[in-house]
Amino acid sequence: MLGVGDRVPEGTVWLAPRESAGIPDLVADGPALFLFFLFAWTST
């Protein structure tokens, strides 16, 4: 979890198939909540 004033780490996330975005770009306009589900979209 990041606190107030912490830098957003560089990274890329997938928004949809073949559509990625940089995390700093996604939070440029204000606060954001990211949830990651391990194996949520795989057959494992």
C-alpha atoms as a PDB file:
ATOM      1  CA  MET A   1       0.000   0.000   0.000  1.00  0.00           C
ATOM      2  CA  LEU A   2       1.264   3.468  -0.825  1.00  0.00           C
ATOM      3  CA  GLY A   3       0.933   6.346   1.556  1.00  0.00           C
ATOM      4  CA  VAL A   4       0.397  10.025   0.922  1.00  0.00           C
ATOM      5  CA  GLY A   5       3.398  11.424  -0.925  1.00  0.00           C
ATOM      6  CA  ASP A   6       4.754   8.006  -1.977  1.00  0.00           C
ATOM      7  CA  ARG A   7       5.837   7.684  -5.580  1.00  0.00           C
ATOM      8  CA  VAL A   8       3.812   5.407  -7.830  1.00  0.00           C
ATOM      9  CA  PRO A   9       6.032   2.565  -9.064  1.00  0.00           C
ATOM     10  CA  GLU A  10       6.741   2.275 -12.769  1.00  0.00           C
ATOM     11  CA  GLY A  11       4.872  -0.608 -14.291  1.00  0.00           C
ATOM     12  CA  THR A  12       2.402  -1.647 -16.932  1.00  0.00           C
ATOM     13  CA  VAL A  13      -1.016  -3.212 -16.410  1.00  0.00           C
ATOM     14  CA  TRP A  14      -3.395  -4.757 -18.907  1.00  0.00           C
ATOM     15  CA  LEU A  15      -6.755  -2.992 -19.214  1.00  0.00           C
ATOM     16  CA  ALA A  16      -8.108  -5.337 -21.881  1.00  0.00           C
ATOM     17  CA  PRO A  17      -6.649  -7.797 -24.382  1.00  0.00           C
ATOM     18  CA  ARG A  18      -3.950  -5.991 -26.368  1.00  0.00           C
ATOM     19  CA  GLU A  19      -4.552  -2.758 -24.376  1.00  0.00           C
ATOM     20  CA  SER A  20      -1.967  -1.845 -21.769  1.00  0.00           C
ATOM     21  CA  ALA A  21      -1.334   1.331 -19.781  1.00  0.00           C
ATOM     22  CA  GLY A  22       1.362   2.644 -17.508  1.00  0.00           C
ATOM     23  CA  ILE A  23       0.423   2.880 -13.842  1.00  0.00           C
ATOM     24  CA  PRO A  24       1.647   6.505 -13.502  1.00  0.00           C
ATOM     25  CA  ASP A  25      -0.589   7.458 -16.448  1.00  0.00           C
ATOM     26  CA  LEU A  26      -3.631   5.877 -14.804  1.00  0.00           C
ATOM     27  CA  VAL A  27      -3.203   7.799 -11.548  1.00  0.00           C
ATOM     28  CA  ALA A  28      -2.237  11.139 -13.084  1.00  0.00           C
ATOM     29  CA  ASP A  29      -5.742  12.557 -12.605  1.00  0.00           C
ATOM     30  CA  GLY A  30      -6.225  11.520  -8.991  1.00  0.00           C
ATOM     31  CA  PRO A  31      -6.536   8.620  -6.561  1.00  0.00           C
ATOM     32  CA  ALA A  32      -6.983   5.083  -7.858  1.00  0.00           C
ATOM     33  CA  LEU A  33      -7.610   1.646  -6.415  1.00  0.00           C
ATOM     34  CA  PHE A  34      -5.949  -1.350  -8.095  1.00  0.00           C
ATOM     35  CA  LEU A  35      -6.971  -4.913  -7.294  1.00  0.00           C
ATOM     36  CA  PHE A  36      -4.985  -7.860  -8.587  1.00  0.00           C
ATOM     37  CA  PHE A  37      -6.382 -11.372  -8.596  1.00  0.00           C
ATOM     38  CA  LEU A  38      -3.823 -14.124  -8.970  1.00  0.00           C
ATOM     39  CA  PHE A  39      -4.904 -16.623 -11.668  1.00  0.00           C
ATOM     40  CA  ALA A  40      -8.256 -14.842 -12.164  1.00  0.00           C
ATOM     41  CA  TRP A  41      -8.121 -15.058 -15.973  1.00  0.00           C
ATOM     42  CA  THR A  42      -6.189 -18.270 -16.467  1.00  0.00           C
ATOM     43  CA  SER A  43      -7.094 -21.923 -16.541  1.00  0.00           C
ATOM     44  CA  THR A  44      -4.816 -22.730 -13.567  1.00  0.00           C
END
